[in-house]
C-alpha cells in the first residue's frame, strides 16, 4: 500500500531452505504447466499497490503467465521464517494471503528448528493446519509432493533462536 520497508539480505540457511524446496518441486510444477519462482518476484494483493515477496511461489493460472513482474493468482506460497519476520509471516501475511481465491496452501519453514507448517484451504473459509517435525514426511498437497523433512533441511545450518538478521 505504498509503504516501503528496508530489507537486508537473508542468511545462507534461509536461502538454502527455499532452494531445497524449489529443487524438489520444480519438475512437478513444470509438468503441471505451472510457474515457480523465488524471493525476488512479488505477489500482488488485491487490486491496489500492495505487494509481498514470498520466499517461493507457484502459480498455475494462465492470467499470471502473461504478467512479467508479479503474480496475482498463486496456488502455493512459502515463507521461510526468520526471527525478525516470523510474527509478520504468521499474522499479517497469513491474513493477506488467505484472501487470494486461488491460494490452496501456505507453507511456513522454520530456520531455527526442523519444523514445517502447512496451512491448506478446506471447505468455505476454513484453513486446515498440518505440522511436521523431525522424522516426518512433509506433504505439499497443492503440488502432490511428499518428501522427508530431512531432505528439505539437507546441508542447512539452523539459525540460533536469537538471530536478528532480517530475511
N, C-alpha and C. Protein backbone atom coordinates (compact mmCIF):
# COMPACT_ATOMS: atom_id res chain seq x y z
N UNK A 1 0.82 -1.20 0.00
CA UNK A 1 0.00 0.00 0.00
C UNK A 1 0.86 1.25 0.00
N UNK A 2 1.99 1.21 -0.66
CA UNK A 2 2.84 2.37 -0.79
C UNK A 2 3.83 2.55 0.34
N UNK A 3 3.76 1.73 1.38
CA UNK A 3 4.72 1.83 2.47
C UNK A 3 5.93 0.98 2.12
N UNK A 4 7.12 1.56 2.21
CA UNK A 4 8.35 0.89 1.81
C UNK A 4 9.08 0.40 3.05
N UNK A 5 9.59 -0.83 2.99
CA UNK A 5 10.35 -1.42 4.09
C UNK A 5 11.75 -1.75 3.61
N UNK A 6 12.76 -1.34 4.36
CA UNK A 6 14.13 -1.69 4.04
C UNK A 6 14.36 -3.14 4.43
N UNK A 7 14.96 -3.90 3.53
CA UNK A 7 15.24 -5.31 3.79
C UNK A 7 16.71 -5.57 3.50
N UNK A 8 17.36 -6.29 4.38
CA UNK A 8 18.74 -6.68 4.13
C UNK A 8 18.74 -8.12 3.65
N UNK A 9 19.87 -8.57 3.19
CA UNK A 9 19.97 -9.94 2.71
C UNK A 9 19.72 -10.94 3.81
N UNK A 10 19.24 -12.12 3.43
CA UNK A 10 18.98 -13.18 4.39
C UNK A 10 20.22 -13.99 4.68
N UNK A 11 20.05 -15.05 5.43
CA UNK A 11 21.16 -15.93 5.77
C UNK A 11 21.28 -17.04 4.72
N UNK A 12 22.41 -17.72 4.74
CA UNK A 12 22.61 -18.85 3.84
C UNK A 12 21.58 -19.94 4.10
N UNK A 13 21.31 -20.20 5.39
CA UNK A 13 20.35 -21.24 5.74
C UNK A 13 18.95 -20.91 5.25
N UNK A 14 18.56 -19.66 5.40
CA UNK A 14 17.25 -19.21 4.94
C UNK A 14 17.11 -19.47 3.43
N UNK A 15 18.10 -19.05 2.69
CA UNK A 15 18.07 -19.21 1.24
C UNK A 15 18.13 -20.69 0.84
N UNK A 16 18.94 -21.46 1.54
CA UNK A 16 19.09 -22.88 1.21
C UNK A 16 17.78 -23.63 1.43
N UNK A 17 17.03 -23.28 2.47
CA UNK A 17 15.73 -23.93 2.71
C UNK A 17 14.79 -23.69 1.53
N UNK A 18 14.71 -22.45 1.07
CA UNK A 18 13.85 -22.13 -0.07
C UNK A 18 14.32 -22.86 -1.33
N UNK A 19 15.63 -22.89 -1.54
CA UNK A 19 16.17 -23.55 -2.73
C UNK A 19 15.99 -25.06 -2.67
N UNK A 20 16.12 -25.66 -1.50
CA UNK A 20 15.90 -27.11 -1.37
C UNK A 20 14.46 -27.47 -1.75
N UNK A 21 13.51 -26.66 -1.30
CA UNK A 21 12.12 -26.93 -1.66
C UNK A 21 11.90 -26.68 -3.15
N UNK A 22 12.47 -25.60 -3.66
CA UNK A 22 12.38 -25.30 -5.08
C UNK A 22 12.87 -26.48 -5.91
N UNK A 23 14.03 -27.00 -5.55
CA UNK A 23 14.62 -28.13 -6.28
C UNK A 23 13.74 -29.38 -6.25
N UNK A 24 12.99 -29.53 -5.17
CA UNK A 24 12.12 -30.70 -5.03
C UNK A 24 10.86 -30.58 -5.86
N UNK A 25 10.30 -29.38 -5.98
CA UNK A 25 9.00 -29.26 -6.65
C UNK A 25 9.07 -28.65 -8.05
N UNK A 26 10.25 -28.21 -8.49
CA UNK A 26 10.36 -27.55 -9.79
C UNK A 26 9.86 -28.43 -10.94
N UNK A 27 10.31 -29.66 -11.03
CA UNK A 27 9.90 -30.53 -12.14
C UNK A 27 8.39 -30.75 -12.14
N UNK A 28 7.81 -30.97 -10.96
CA UNK A 28 6.36 -31.18 -10.88
C UNK A 28 5.61 -29.92 -11.31
N UNK A 29 6.10 -28.76 -10.92
CA UNK A 29 5.46 -27.51 -11.32
C UNK A 29 5.43 -27.39 -12.84
N UNK A 30 6.55 -27.66 -13.49
CA UNK A 30 6.60 -27.55 -14.95
C UNK A 30 5.74 -28.61 -15.62
N UNK A 31 5.74 -29.82 -15.08
CA UNK A 31 4.88 -30.88 -15.62
C UNK A 31 3.41 -30.48 -15.55
N UNK A 32 3.03 -29.79 -14.47
CA UNK A 32 1.65 -29.35 -14.28
C UNK A 32 1.31 -28.07 -15.05
N UNK A 33 2.30 -27.52 -15.79
CA UNK A 33 2.07 -26.28 -16.52
C UNK A 33 2.08 -25.05 -15.65
N UNK A 34 2.76 -25.14 -14.53
CA UNK A 34 2.82 -24.04 -13.56
C UNK A 34 4.14 -23.28 -13.68
N UNK A 35 4.16 -22.09 -13.12
CA UNK A 35 5.38 -21.32 -12.98
C UNK A 35 5.79 -21.36 -11.51
N UNK A 36 7.09 -21.44 -11.28
CA UNK A 36 7.62 -21.43 -9.92
C UNK A 36 8.70 -20.36 -9.85
N UNK A 37 8.72 -19.61 -8.77
CA UNK A 37 9.69 -18.55 -8.63
C UNK A 37 10.07 -18.38 -7.16
N UNK A 38 11.20 -17.71 -6.96
CA UNK A 38 11.69 -17.47 -5.60
C UNK A 38 11.70 -15.98 -5.30
N UNK A 39 12.24 -15.63 -4.18
CA UNK A 39 12.09 -14.38 -3.43
C UNK A 39 12.09 -13.05 -4.16
N UNK A 40 12.63 -12.92 -5.34
CA UNK A 40 12.67 -11.61 -5.98
C UNK A 40 11.44 -11.30 -6.83
N UNK A 41 10.47 -12.20 -6.87
CA UNK A 41 9.24 -11.95 -7.61
C UNK A 41 8.11 -11.77 -6.60
N UNK A 42 7.32 -10.74 -6.80
CA UNK A 42 6.31 -10.37 -5.82
C UNK A 42 4.94 -10.95 -6.17
N UNK A 43 4.08 -10.95 -5.15
CA UNK A 43 2.67 -11.30 -5.32
C UNK A 43 1.87 -10.03 -5.01
N UNK A 44 0.93 -9.72 -5.91
CA UNK A 44 0.07 -8.55 -5.71
C UNK A 44 -1.13 -8.97 -4.89
N UNK A 45 -1.44 -8.16 -3.89
CA UNK A 45 -2.57 -8.44 -3.01
C UNK A 45 -3.72 -7.51 -3.40
N UNK A 46 -4.77 -8.07 -3.92
CA UNK A 46 -5.93 -7.26 -4.32
C UNK A 46 -5.65 -6.42 -5.55
N UNK A 47 -6.42 -5.37 -5.71
CA UNK A 47 -6.34 -4.52 -6.90
C UNK A 47 -5.39 -3.35 -6.74
N UNK A 48 -4.93 -3.07 -5.54
CA UNK A 48 -4.12 -1.88 -5.28
C UNK A 48 -2.65 -2.08 -5.54
N UNK A 49 -1.86 -1.36 -4.78
CA UNK A 49 -0.41 -1.41 -4.92
C UNK A 49 0.23 -2.06 -3.70
N UNK A 50 -0.40 -3.08 -3.19
CA UNK A 50 0.13 -3.80 -2.05
C UNK A 50 0.77 -5.10 -2.56
N UNK A 51 2.04 -5.29 -2.22
CA UNK A 51 2.78 -6.46 -2.69
C UNK A 51 3.54 -7.09 -1.54
N UNK A 52 3.78 -8.38 -1.68
CA UNK A 52 4.67 -9.12 -0.77
C UNK A 52 5.64 -9.90 -1.63
N UNK A 53 6.78 -10.23 -1.03
CA UNK A 53 7.81 -11.01 -1.71
C UNK A 53 7.99 -12.34 -0.99
N UNK A 54 7.20 -13.36 -1.33
CA UNK A 54 7.35 -14.66 -0.67
C UNK A 54 8.69 -15.30 -1.03
N UNK A 55 9.10 -16.24 -0.21
CA UNK A 55 10.35 -16.95 -0.49
C UNK A 55 10.20 -17.91 -1.66
N UNK A 56 9.00 -18.42 -1.88
CA UNK A 56 8.73 -19.30 -3.01
C UNK A 56 7.25 -19.16 -3.36
N UNK A 57 6.96 -19.17 -4.66
CA UNK A 57 5.58 -19.01 -5.12
C UNK A 57 5.37 -19.88 -6.34
N UNK A 58 4.20 -20.52 -6.41
CA UNK A 58 3.82 -21.32 -7.57
C UNK A 58 2.46 -20.84 -8.04
N UNK A 59 2.36 -20.58 -9.35
CA UNK A 59 1.08 -20.23 -9.96
C UNK A 59 0.86 -21.11 -11.18
N UNK A 60 -0.35 -21.62 -11.30
CA UNK A 60 -0.74 -22.42 -12.46
C UNK A 60 -1.80 -21.70 -13.28
N UNK A 61 -2.08 -20.47 -12.92
CA UNK A 61 -3.14 -19.69 -13.55
C UNK A 61 -2.62 -19.03 -14.83
N UNK A 62 -3.35 -19.21 -15.92
CA UNK A 62 -2.96 -18.64 -17.21
C UNK A 62 -2.81 -17.12 -17.15
N UNK A 63 -3.60 -16.46 -16.32
CA UNK A 63 -3.52 -14.99 -16.22
C UNK A 63 -2.17 -14.52 -15.70
N UNK A 64 -1.50 -15.34 -14.89
CA UNK A 64 -0.18 -14.97 -14.37
C UNK A 64 0.92 -15.15 -15.41
N UNK A 65 0.70 -15.98 -16.40
CA UNK A 65 1.75 -16.29 -17.37
C UNK A 65 2.04 -15.12 -18.31
N UNK A 66 1.15 -14.16 -18.41
CA UNK A 66 1.37 -13.01 -19.28
C UNK A 66 1.88 -11.79 -18.52
N UNK A 67 1.94 -11.87 -17.21
CA UNK A 67 2.40 -10.74 -16.38
C UNK A 67 3.89 -10.94 -16.07
N UNK A 68 4.76 -10.01 -16.50
CA UNK A 68 6.20 -10.21 -16.32
C UNK A 68 6.78 -9.87 -14.94
N UNK A 69 6.04 -9.12 -14.09
CA UNK A 69 6.68 -8.63 -12.87
C UNK A 69 6.08 -9.14 -11.56
N UNK A 70 4.88 -9.70 -11.58
CA UNK A 70 4.29 -10.18 -10.34
C UNK A 70 3.26 -11.27 -10.61
N UNK A 71 2.85 -11.91 -9.52
CA UNK A 71 1.79 -12.92 -9.57
C UNK A 71 0.57 -12.39 -8.83
N UNK A 72 -0.62 -12.75 -9.31
CA UNK A 72 -1.86 -12.40 -8.62
C UNK A 72 -2.66 -13.63 -8.25
N UNK A 73 -2.36 -14.78 -8.88
CA UNK A 73 -3.19 -15.96 -8.73
C UNK A 73 -2.38 -17.20 -8.32
N UNK A 74 -1.63 -17.12 -7.24
CA UNK A 74 -0.80 -18.28 -6.85
C UNK A 74 -1.65 -19.41 -6.27
N UNK A 75 -1.11 -20.63 -6.35
CA UNK A 75 -1.75 -21.76 -5.67
C UNK A 75 -0.95 -22.15 -4.43
N UNK A 76 0.34 -21.82 -4.40
CA UNK A 76 1.22 -22.15 -3.28
C UNK A 76 2.11 -20.96 -2.97
N UNK A 77 2.18 -20.60 -1.68
CA UNK A 77 3.11 -19.57 -1.20
C UNK A 77 3.88 -20.17 -0.03
N UNK A 78 5.20 -19.97 -0.04
CA UNK A 78 6.07 -20.47 1.02
C UNK A 78 6.87 -19.32 1.61
N UNK A 79 6.93 -19.27 2.93
CA UNK A 79 7.78 -18.32 3.64
C UNK A 79 8.72 -19.10 4.55
N UNK A 80 10.00 -18.75 4.50
CA UNK A 80 10.98 -19.29 5.44
C UNK A 80 11.01 -18.31 6.61
N UNK A 81 10.77 -18.82 7.80
CA UNK A 81 10.67 -17.97 8.98
C UNK A 81 12.05 -17.58 9.48
N UNK A 82 12.23 -16.29 9.73
CA UNK A 82 13.43 -15.82 10.40
C UNK A 82 12.96 -15.09 11.66
N UNK A 83 13.80 -15.02 12.68
CA UNK A 83 13.37 -14.42 13.95
C UNK A 83 12.79 -13.01 13.80
N UNK A 84 13.32 -12.23 12.89
CA UNK A 84 12.86 -10.85 12.76
C UNK A 84 11.55 -10.72 11.98
N UNK A 85 11.15 -11.74 11.23
CA UNK A 85 9.94 -11.62 10.40
C UNK A 85 8.87 -12.66 10.74
N UNK A 86 9.15 -13.57 11.66
CA UNK A 86 8.22 -14.67 11.93
C UNK A 86 6.82 -14.19 12.30
N UNK A 87 6.72 -13.19 13.15
CA UNK A 87 5.39 -12.75 13.57
C UNK A 87 4.62 -12.15 12.40
N UNK A 88 5.29 -11.44 11.50
CA UNK A 88 4.62 -10.88 10.32
C UNK A 88 4.17 -12.00 9.38
N UNK A 89 5.04 -13.01 9.19
CA UNK A 89 4.69 -14.14 8.32
C UNK A 89 3.48 -14.90 8.85
N UNK A 90 3.42 -15.07 10.18
CA UNK A 90 2.33 -15.83 10.79
C UNK A 90 1.02 -15.04 10.87
N UNK A 91 1.12 -13.74 11.01
CA UNK A 91 -0.07 -12.94 11.24
C UNK A 91 -0.47 -12.14 10.00
N UNK A 92 0.22 -11.02 9.75
CA UNK A 92 -0.17 -10.12 8.67
C UNK A 92 -0.18 -10.80 7.30
N UNK A 93 0.92 -11.46 6.97
CA UNK A 93 0.99 -12.10 5.65
C UNK A 93 -0.06 -13.20 5.52
N UNK A 94 -0.22 -14.01 6.56
CA UNK A 94 -1.21 -15.07 6.50
C UNK A 94 -2.60 -14.49 6.22
N UNK A 95 -2.97 -13.43 6.95
CA UNK A 95 -4.29 -12.81 6.75
C UNK A 95 -4.43 -12.23 5.35
N UNK A 96 -3.36 -11.70 4.79
CA UNK A 96 -3.41 -11.17 3.42
C UNK A 96 -3.48 -12.29 2.39
N UNK A 97 -2.63 -13.28 2.55
CA UNK A 97 -2.55 -14.36 1.57
C UNK A 97 -3.85 -15.17 1.48
N UNK A 98 -4.51 -15.42 2.60
CA UNK A 98 -5.71 -16.26 2.54
C UNK A 98 -6.89 -15.55 1.87
N UNK A 99 -6.72 -14.28 1.55
CA UNK A 99 -7.75 -13.56 0.78
C UNK A 99 -7.61 -13.83 -0.72
N UNK A 100 -6.52 -14.47 -1.13
CA UNK A 100 -6.29 -14.78 -2.55
C UNK A 100 -7.13 -16.01 -2.90
N UNK A 101 -8.12 -15.89 -3.77
CA UNK A 101 -9.04 -17.00 -4.03
C UNK A 101 -8.38 -18.27 -4.59
N UNK A 102 -7.28 -18.12 -5.32
CA UNK A 102 -6.63 -19.28 -5.93
C UNK A 102 -5.65 -19.99 -5.00
N UNK A 103 -5.32 -19.38 -3.86
CA UNK A 103 -4.34 -19.97 -2.95
C UNK A 103 -4.89 -21.24 -2.32
N UNK A 104 -4.15 -22.33 -2.47
CA UNK A 104 -4.53 -23.62 -1.91
C UNK A 104 -3.73 -23.96 -0.65
N UNK A 105 -2.49 -23.41 -0.57
CA UNK A 105 -1.62 -23.82 0.53
C UNK A 105 -0.62 -22.72 0.86
N UNK A 106 -0.42 -22.52 2.17
CA UNK A 106 0.57 -21.57 2.69
C UNK A 106 1.50 -22.36 3.59
N UNK A 107 2.80 -22.36 3.28
CA UNK A 107 3.77 -23.18 3.99
C UNK A 107 4.78 -22.30 4.71
N UNK A 108 5.00 -22.59 5.99
CA UNK A 108 5.99 -21.89 6.80
C UNK A 108 7.10 -22.88 7.15
N UNK A 109 8.34 -22.49 6.87
CA UNK A 109 9.50 -23.34 7.14
C UNK A 109 10.37 -22.64 8.17
N UNK A 110 10.64 -23.29 9.28
CA UNK A 110 11.46 -22.70 10.33
C UNK A 110 12.94 -22.78 9.97
N UNK A 111 13.66 -21.70 10.22
CA UNK A 111 15.11 -21.69 10.05
C UNK A 111 15.82 -21.95 11.38
N UNK A 112 15.05 -22.06 12.49
CA UNK A 112 15.61 -22.28 13.82
C UNK A 112 15.59 -23.74 14.23
N UNK A 113 14.58 -24.49 13.77
CA UNK A 113 14.43 -25.89 14.14
C UNK A 113 13.84 -26.64 12.96
N UNK A 114 13.97 -27.94 12.94
CA UNK A 114 13.40 -28.74 11.87
C UNK A 114 11.89 -28.80 12.06
N UNK A 115 11.21 -27.86 11.42
CA UNK A 115 9.76 -27.72 11.59
C UNK A 115 9.15 -27.07 10.35
N UNK A 116 8.12 -27.69 9.81
CA UNK A 116 7.38 -27.16 8.67
C UNK A 116 5.91 -27.15 9.05
N UNK A 117 5.23 -26.06 8.72
CA UNK A 117 3.80 -25.95 9.00
C UNK A 117 3.08 -25.62 7.69
N UNK A 118 2.09 -26.44 7.37
CA UNK A 118 1.30 -26.23 6.15
C UNK A 118 -0.12 -25.85 6.53
N UNK A 119 -0.60 -24.80 5.92
CA UNK A 119 -1.98 -24.38 6.06
C UNK A 119 -2.65 -24.64 4.71
N UNK A 120 -3.67 -25.51 4.71
CA UNK A 120 -4.34 -25.88 3.47
C UNK A 120 -5.79 -25.43 3.49
N UNK A 121 -6.20 -24.91 2.36
CA UNK A 121 -7.57 -24.44 2.23
C UNK A 121 -8.53 -25.63 2.32
N UNK A 122 -9.50 -25.50 3.21
CA UNK A 122 -10.54 -26.51 3.35
C UNK A 122 -11.81 -26.02 2.68
N UNK A 123 -12.92 -26.44 3.20
CA UNK A 123 -14.20 -26.00 2.66
C UNK A 123 -14.53 -24.60 3.16
N UNK A 124 -15.16 -23.83 2.28
CA UNK A 124 -15.55 -22.47 2.66
C UNK A 124 -14.33 -21.63 3.01
N UNK A 125 -14.38 -21.02 4.18
CA UNK A 125 -13.27 -20.17 4.65
C UNK A 125 -12.34 -20.88 5.61
N UNK A 126 -12.48 -22.19 5.72
CA UNK A 126 -11.69 -22.97 6.66
C UNK A 126 -10.27 -23.24 6.11
N UNK A 127 -9.28 -23.07 6.99
CA UNK A 127 -7.90 -23.42 6.67
C UNK A 127 -7.47 -24.49 7.66
N UNK A 128 -6.91 -25.59 7.14
CA UNK A 128 -6.50 -26.73 7.97
C UNK A 128 -5.00 -26.66 8.22
N UNK A 129 -4.60 -27.06 9.42
CA UNK A 129 -3.21 -26.94 9.88
C UNK A 129 -2.55 -28.32 9.93
N UNK A 130 -1.36 -28.42 9.30
CA UNK A 130 -0.61 -29.67 9.28
C UNK A 130 0.84 -29.39 9.69
N UNK A 131 1.22 -29.73 10.94
CA UNK A 131 2.60 -29.51 11.39
C UNK A 131 3.47 -30.74 11.12
N UNK A 132 4.75 -30.49 10.83
CA UNK A 132 5.71 -31.57 10.58
C UNK A 132 6.97 -31.30 11.38
N UNK A 133 7.54 -32.36 11.93
CA UNK A 133 8.76 -32.27 12.73
C UNK A 133 9.78 -33.30 12.22
N UNK A 134 10.94 -33.31 12.88
CA UNK A 134 12.00 -34.25 12.52
C UNK A 134 11.45 -35.68 12.44
N UNK A 135 11.82 -36.37 11.38
CA UNK A 135 11.37 -37.76 11.17
C UNK A 135 10.09 -37.87 10.37
N UNK A 136 9.38 -36.76 10.16
CA UNK A 136 8.12 -36.77 9.41
C UNK A 136 8.37 -36.66 7.91
N UNK A 137 7.37 -37.06 7.15
CA UNK A 137 7.32 -36.80 5.71
C UNK A 137 6.40 -35.61 5.49
N UNK A 138 6.93 -34.59 4.84
CA UNK A 138 6.17 -33.36 4.60
C UNK A 138 5.36 -33.52 3.32
N UNK A 139 4.08 -33.23 3.41
CA UNK A 139 3.21 -33.26 2.25
C UNK A 139 2.92 -31.84 1.80
N UNK A 140 3.31 -31.54 0.56
CA UNK A 140 2.94 -30.28 -0.07
C UNK A 140 1.78 -30.67 -1.00
N UNK A 141 0.59 -30.69 -0.44
CA UNK A 141 -0.58 -31.25 -1.12
C UNK A 141 -0.94 -30.51 -2.40
N UNK A 142 -0.75 -29.20 -2.42
CA UNK A 142 -1.11 -28.42 -3.61
C UNK A 142 -0.29 -28.82 -4.83
N UNK A 143 0.88 -29.42 -4.60
CA UNK A 143 1.75 -29.85 -5.69
C UNK A 143 1.82 -31.37 -5.79
N UNK A 144 1.07 -32.07 -4.94
CA UNK A 144 1.09 -33.53 -4.91
C UNK A 144 2.51 -34.07 -4.72
N UNK A 145 3.20 -33.46 -3.75
CA UNK A 145 4.60 -33.81 -3.44
C UNK A 145 4.68 -34.23 -1.98
N UNK A 146 5.47 -35.26 -1.71
CA UNK A 146 5.76 -35.67 -0.35
C UNK A 146 7.26 -35.92 -0.26
N UNK A 147 7.89 -35.42 0.81
CA UNK A 147 9.33 -35.59 0.97
C UNK A 147 9.68 -35.70 2.44
N UNK A 148 10.77 -36.42 2.75
CA UNK A 148 11.24 -36.45 4.13
C UNK A 148 11.68 -35.05 4.54
N UNK A 149 11.33 -34.65 5.75
CA UNK A 149 11.70 -33.31 6.20
C UNK A 149 13.22 -33.12 6.18
N UNK A 150 13.95 -34.21 6.39
CA UNK A 150 15.41 -34.13 6.36
C UNK A 150 15.94 -33.71 4.98
N UNK A 151 15.22 -34.06 3.93
CA UNK A 151 15.61 -33.64 2.57
C UNK A 151 15.49 -32.13 2.42
N UNK A 152 14.49 -31.57 3.01
CA UNK A 152 14.29 -30.12 2.96
C UNK A 152 15.42 -29.40 3.72
N UNK A 153 15.88 -29.99 4.81
CA UNK A 153 16.90 -29.37 5.66
C UNK A 153 18.32 -29.84 5.31
N UNK A 154 18.48 -30.52 4.18
CA UNK A 154 19.79 -31.02 3.75
C UNK A 154 20.78 -29.86 3.61
N UNK A 155 21.94 -29.99 4.24
CA UNK A 155 23.02 -29.00 4.18
C UNK A 155 22.63 -27.63 4.72
N UNK A 156 21.69 -27.59 5.65
CA UNK A 156 21.25 -26.34 6.26
C UNK A 156 21.73 -26.29 7.70
N UNK A 157 22.44 -25.22 8.05
CA UNK A 157 22.81 -25.00 9.44
C UNK A 157 21.70 -24.16 10.06
N UNK A 158 21.04 -24.69 11.07
CA UNK A 158 19.92 -23.99 11.70
C UNK A 158 20.43 -22.72 12.39
N UNK A 159 19.60 -21.68 12.34
CA UNK A 159 19.96 -20.39 12.91
C UNK A 159 19.69 -20.39 14.41
N UNK A 160 20.51 -19.67 15.17
CA UNK A 160 20.23 -19.54 16.60
C UNK A 160 18.88 -18.85 16.82
N UNK A 161 18.20 -19.19 17.88
CA UNK A 161 16.87 -18.63 18.16
C UNK A 161 16.89 -17.12 18.36
N UNK A 162 18.04 -16.56 18.74
CA UNK A 162 18.10 -15.12 18.99
C UNK A 162 18.67 -14.33 17.82
N UNK A 163 18.81 -14.95 16.66
CA UNK A 163 19.34 -14.26 15.48
C UNK A 163 18.40 -13.11 15.10
N UNK A 164 18.99 -12.01 14.65
CA UNK A 164 18.17 -10.84 14.31
C UNK A 164 18.35 -10.39 12.87
N UNK A 165 18.97 -11.22 12.05
CA UNK A 165 19.17 -10.85 10.65
C UNK A 165 17.85 -10.92 9.91
N UNK A 166 17.36 -9.82 9.35
CA UNK A 166 16.10 -9.85 8.60
C UNK A 166 16.23 -10.69 7.34
N UNK A 167 15.10 -11.27 6.91
CA UNK A 167 15.13 -12.05 5.68
C UNK A 167 13.88 -11.79 4.88
